[in-house]
Amino acid sequence: MSEEDKAIEGVDVEISVVLGKAIMPIHQLLKMGRGAVIELDAGADDDAIVLANNKPIAYGGIIIVDDNIGISITDNVKSNLPEF
């Protein structure tokens, strides 16, 4: 292990995944109850956006692993990903 690898070994990074977005009035959001559906601007075959500390770093596809949801990176880290 290099010195650089050792320096970052204990650093935590928060990973988030954005499936899509929706814009709606707050009164509509407040009326939603259990079972309500929010329609997103993404299609079923669209890649999700992977964020590291709220910065977009890659695209990925959603996968199911046992009873968990995961993400499979489909595109390398890019500098032209959208800002959040």
N, C-alpha and C. Protein backbone atom coordinates (compact mmCIF):
# COMPACT_ATOMS: atom_id res chain seq x y z
N MET A 1 0.85 -1.18 0.00
CA MET A 1 0.00 0.00 0.00
C MET A 1 0.89 1.24 0.00
N SER A 2 0.59 2.17 -0.89
CA SER A 2 1.40 3.38 -1.01
C SER A 2 1.09 4.34 0.14
N GLU A 3 1.94 5.33 0.32
CA GLU A 3 1.74 6.35 1.35
C GLU A 3 0.44 7.11 1.09
N GLU A 4 0.16 7.37 -0.19
CA GLU A 4 -1.07 8.08 -0.54
C GLU A 4 -2.30 7.26 -0.15
N ASP A 5 -2.26 5.94 -0.42
CA ASP A 5 -3.36 5.06 -0.04
C ASP A 5 -3.55 5.05 1.47
N LYS A 6 -2.47 5.01 2.22
CA LYS A 6 -2.55 5.00 3.68
C LYS A 6 -3.16 6.29 4.20
N ALA A 7 -2.86 7.41 3.55
CA ALA A 7 -3.36 8.71 4.00
C ALA A 7 -4.87 8.83 3.89
N ILE A 8 -5.47 8.15 2.94
CA ILE A 8 -6.92 8.27 2.74
C ILE A 8 -7.69 7.05 3.22
N GLU A 9 -7.00 6.07 3.76
CA GLU A 9 -7.63 4.82 4.17
C GLU A 9 -8.79 5.02 5.15
N GLY A 10 -8.67 5.92 6.09
CA GLY A 10 -9.71 6.11 7.10
C GLY A 10 -10.71 7.21 6.78
N VAL A 11 -10.68 7.76 5.58
CA VAL A 11 -11.58 8.85 5.21
C VAL A 11 -12.91 8.29 4.72
N ASP A 12 -13.99 8.74 5.33
CA ASP A 12 -15.33 8.31 4.92
C ASP A 12 -15.87 9.23 3.83
N VAL A 13 -16.59 8.63 2.87
CA VAL A 13 -17.23 9.36 1.79
C VAL A 13 -18.69 8.93 1.76
N GLU A 14 -19.60 9.89 1.74
CA GLU A 14 -21.02 9.58 1.65
C GLU A 14 -21.39 9.37 0.19
N ILE A 15 -21.91 8.18 -0.13
CA ILE A 15 -22.33 7.85 -1.49
C ILE A 15 -23.86 7.91 -1.54
N SER A 16 -24.39 8.64 -2.52
CA SER A 16 -25.83 8.75 -2.75
C SER A 16 -26.09 8.43 -4.22
N VAL A 17 -27.31 8.05 -4.51
CA VAL A 17 -27.70 7.73 -5.88
C VAL A 17 -29.00 8.47 -6.20
N VAL A 18 -29.00 9.20 -7.31
CA VAL A 18 -30.19 9.93 -7.75
C VAL A 18 -30.83 9.16 -8.90
N LEU A 19 -32.05 8.74 -8.68
CA LEU A 19 -32.78 8.01 -9.72
C LEU A 19 -33.43 8.95 -10.71
N GLY A 20 -33.81 10.11 -10.26
CA GLY A 20 -34.48 11.09 -11.10
C GLY A 20 -34.95 12.24 -10.23
N LYS A 21 -35.60 13.21 -10.85
CA LYS A 21 -36.09 14.39 -10.12
C LYS A 21 -37.55 14.64 -10.46
N ALA A 22 -38.19 15.38 -9.58
CA ALA A 22 -39.57 15.82 -9.81
C ALA A 22 -39.74 17.19 -9.17
N ILE A 23 -40.54 18.03 -9.78
CA ILE A 23 -40.88 19.33 -9.22
C ILE A 23 -42.39 19.34 -9.00
N MET A 24 -42.78 19.73 -7.77
CA MET A 24 -44.21 19.78 -7.45
C MET A 24 -44.44 20.85 -6.40
N PRO A 25 -45.65 21.37 -6.36
CA PRO A 25 -45.99 22.36 -5.33
C PRO A 25 -45.94 21.72 -3.94
N ILE A 26 -45.54 22.50 -2.96
CA ILE A 26 -45.42 21.99 -1.59
C ILE A 26 -46.76 21.47 -1.06
N HIS A 27 -47.88 22.13 -1.44
CA HIS A 27 -49.19 21.67 -0.96
C HIS A 27 -49.49 20.26 -1.46
N GLN A 28 -49.03 19.92 -2.66
CA GLN A 28 -49.24 18.57 -3.19
C GLN A 28 -48.39 17.58 -2.42
N LEU A 29 -47.16 17.95 -2.12
CA LEU A 29 -46.27 17.09 -1.35
C LEU A 29 -46.83 16.83 0.05
N LEU A 30 -47.37 17.86 0.68
CA LEU A 30 -47.92 17.72 2.03
C LEU A 30 -49.17 16.83 2.07
N LYS A 31 -49.89 16.74 0.96
CA LYS A 31 -51.10 15.91 0.90
C LYS A 31 -50.78 14.42 0.71
N MET A 32 -49.54 14.12 0.31
CA MET A 32 -49.20 12.73 0.00
C MET A 32 -49.19 11.86 1.26
N GLY A 33 -49.67 10.68 1.09
CA GLY A 33 -49.68 9.72 2.19
C GLY A 33 -49.01 8.43 1.76
N ARG A 34 -49.12 7.46 2.60
CA ARG A 34 -48.54 6.15 2.34
C ARG A 34 -49.07 5.61 1.00
N GLY A 35 -48.16 5.12 0.17
CA GLY A 35 -48.54 4.55 -1.12
C GLY A 35 -48.58 5.55 -2.26
N ALA A 36 -48.40 6.84 -1.94
CA ALA A 36 -48.39 7.85 -3.00
C ALA A 36 -47.19 7.63 -3.91
N VAL A 37 -47.34 7.97 -5.16
CA VAL A 37 -46.28 7.79 -6.14
C VAL A 37 -45.84 9.15 -6.65
N ILE A 38 -44.53 9.37 -6.65
CA ILE A 38 -43.96 10.60 -7.23
C ILE A 38 -43.31 10.20 -8.54
N GLU A 39 -43.83 10.72 -9.63
CA GLU A 39 -43.29 10.40 -10.95
C GLU A 39 -42.02 11.21 -11.18
N LEU A 40 -40.94 10.51 -11.55
CA LEU A 40 -39.65 11.15 -11.78
C LEU A 40 -39.44 11.43 -13.26
N ASP A 41 -38.45 12.27 -13.56
CA ASP A 41 -38.17 12.65 -14.94
C ASP A 41 -37.27 11.64 -15.66
N ALA A 42 -37.04 10.48 -15.07
CA ALA A 42 -36.18 9.46 -15.67
C ALA A 42 -37.01 8.27 -16.12
N GLY A 43 -36.52 7.62 -17.17
CA GLY A 43 -37.16 6.42 -17.65
C GLY A 43 -36.61 5.18 -16.96
N ALA A 44 -37.30 4.06 -17.13
CA ALA A 44 -36.90 2.82 -16.47
C ALA A 44 -35.53 2.35 -16.91
N ASP A 45 -35.10 2.67 -18.12
CA ASP A 45 -33.81 2.21 -18.62
C ASP A 45 -32.70 3.25 -18.45
N ASP A 46 -33.02 4.42 -17.89
CA ASP A 46 -32.02 5.46 -17.70
C ASP A 46 -31.07 5.09 -16.55
N ASP A 47 -29.83 5.51 -16.69
CA ASP A 47 -28.87 5.32 -15.61
C ASP A 47 -29.15 6.31 -14.49
N ALA A 48 -28.83 5.89 -13.28
CA ALA A 48 -28.89 6.78 -12.13
C ALA A 48 -27.57 7.55 -12.04
N ILE A 49 -27.56 8.64 -11.27
CA ILE A 49 -26.34 9.42 -11.09
C ILE A 49 -25.79 9.11 -9.71
N VAL A 50 -24.51 8.74 -9.65
CA VAL A 50 -23.84 8.43 -8.39
C VAL A 50 -23.16 9.70 -7.87
N LEU A 51 -23.44 10.03 -6.60
CA LEU A 51 -22.85 11.21 -5.97
C LEU A 51 -21.90 10.77 -4.86
N ALA A 52 -20.78 11.46 -4.73
CA ALA A 52 -19.87 11.29 -3.60
C ALA A 52 -19.81 12.63 -2.89
N ASN A 53 -20.26 12.66 -1.64
CA ASN A 53 -20.36 13.91 -0.89
C ASN A 53 -21.11 14.98 -1.69
N ASN A 54 -22.24 14.56 -2.28
CA ASN A 54 -23.14 15.43 -3.05
C ASN A 54 -22.54 15.97 -4.34
N LYS A 55 -21.46 15.40 -4.82
CA LYS A 55 -20.87 15.79 -6.10
C LYS A 55 -21.03 14.62 -7.07
N PRO A 56 -21.58 14.85 -8.26
CA PRO A 56 -21.75 13.76 -9.23
C PRO A 56 -20.40 13.23 -9.70
N ILE A 57 -20.26 11.90 -9.68
CA ILE A 57 -18.99 11.28 -10.08
C ILE A 57 -19.14 10.22 -11.15
N ALA A 58 -20.33 9.64 -11.32
CA ALA A 58 -20.47 8.54 -12.29
C ALA A 58 -21.94 8.26 -12.56
N TYR A 59 -22.17 7.44 -13.57
CA TYR A 59 -23.50 6.90 -13.87
C TYR A 59 -23.51 5.43 -13.50
N GLY A 60 -24.70 4.93 -13.15
CA GLY A 60 -24.79 3.52 -12.81
C GLY A 60 -26.19 2.98 -13.00
N GLY A 61 -26.27 1.67 -13.10
CA GLY A 61 -27.54 0.99 -13.23
C GLY A 61 -27.93 0.34 -11.91
N ILE A 62 -29.21 0.36 -11.61
CA ILE A 62 -29.71 -0.21 -10.37
C ILE A 62 -29.74 -1.73 -10.48
N ILE A 63 -29.25 -2.40 -9.44
CA ILE A 63 -29.28 -3.86 -9.40
C ILE A 63 -29.84 -4.31 -8.05
N ILE A 64 -30.36 -5.52 -8.01
CA ILE A 64 -30.86 -6.11 -6.77
C ILE A 64 -29.88 -7.19 -6.36
N VAL A 65 -29.40 -7.11 -5.11
CA VAL A 65 -28.47 -8.09 -4.55
C VAL A 65 -29.14 -8.66 -3.31
N ASP A 66 -29.61 -9.89 -3.40
CA ASP A 66 -30.40 -10.50 -2.33
C ASP A 66 -31.59 -9.59 -2.02
N ASP A 67 -31.68 -9.08 -0.79
CA ASP A 67 -32.79 -8.19 -0.43
C ASP A 67 -32.37 -6.72 -0.44
N ASN A 68 -31.23 -6.43 -1.03
CA ASN A 68 -30.71 -5.07 -1.04
C ASN A 68 -30.69 -4.50 -2.46
N ILE A 69 -30.71 -3.19 -2.53
CA ILE A 69 -30.58 -2.49 -3.81
C ILE A 69 -29.15 -2.01 -3.92
N GLY A 70 -28.55 -2.17 -5.09
CA GLY A 70 -27.19 -1.72 -5.31
C GLY A 70 -27.10 -0.94 -6.61
N ILE A 71 -25.91 -0.49 -6.91
CA ILE A 71 -25.67 0.24 -8.16
C ILE A 71 -24.43 -0.33 -8.82
N SER A 72 -24.54 -0.57 -10.11
CA SER A 72 -23.43 -1.06 -10.91
C SER A 72 -22.95 0.11 -11.78
N ILE A 73 -21.71 0.54 -11.59
CA ILE A 73 -21.19 1.68 -12.33
C ILE A 73 -21.14 1.33 -13.81
N THR A 74 -21.77 2.18 -14.64
CA THR A 74 -21.83 1.91 -16.07
C THR A 74 -20.97 2.86 -16.88
N ASP A 75 -20.59 3.98 -16.29
CA ASP A 75 -19.79 4.95 -17.01
C ASP A 75 -18.77 5.54 -16.06
N ASN A 76 -17.55 5.73 -16.54
CA ASN A 76 -16.47 6.26 -15.72
C ASN A 76 -16.80 7.64 -15.19
N VAL A 77 -16.03 8.04 -14.22
CA VAL A 77 -16.18 9.37 -13.65
C VAL A 77 -16.02 10.41 -14.73
N LYS A 78 -16.92 11.38 -14.76
CA LYS A 78 -16.91 12.40 -15.80
C LYS A 78 -16.96 13.78 -15.16
N SER A 79 -16.40 14.73 -15.82
CA SER A 79 -16.44 16.09 -15.31
C SER A 79 -17.67 16.85 -15.81
N ASN A 80 -18.41 16.28 -16.74
CA ASN A 80 -19.56 16.99 -17.31
C ASN A 80 -20.90 16.51 -16.75
N LEU A 81 -20.88 15.88 -15.59
CA LEU A 81 -22.13 15.45 -14.98
C LEU A 81 -22.89 16.66 -14.43
N PRO A 82 -24.21 16.57 -14.30
CA PRO A 82 -24.99 17.71 -13.82
C PRO A 82 -24.67 18.05 -12.37
N GLU A 83 -24.82 19.31 -12.00
CA GLU A 83 -24.63 19.74 -10.62
C GLU A 83 -25.91 19.53 -9.83
N PHE A 84 -25.79 19.28 -8.52
CA PHE A 84 -26.94 19.10 -7.64
C PHE A 84 -26.91 20.09 -6.52
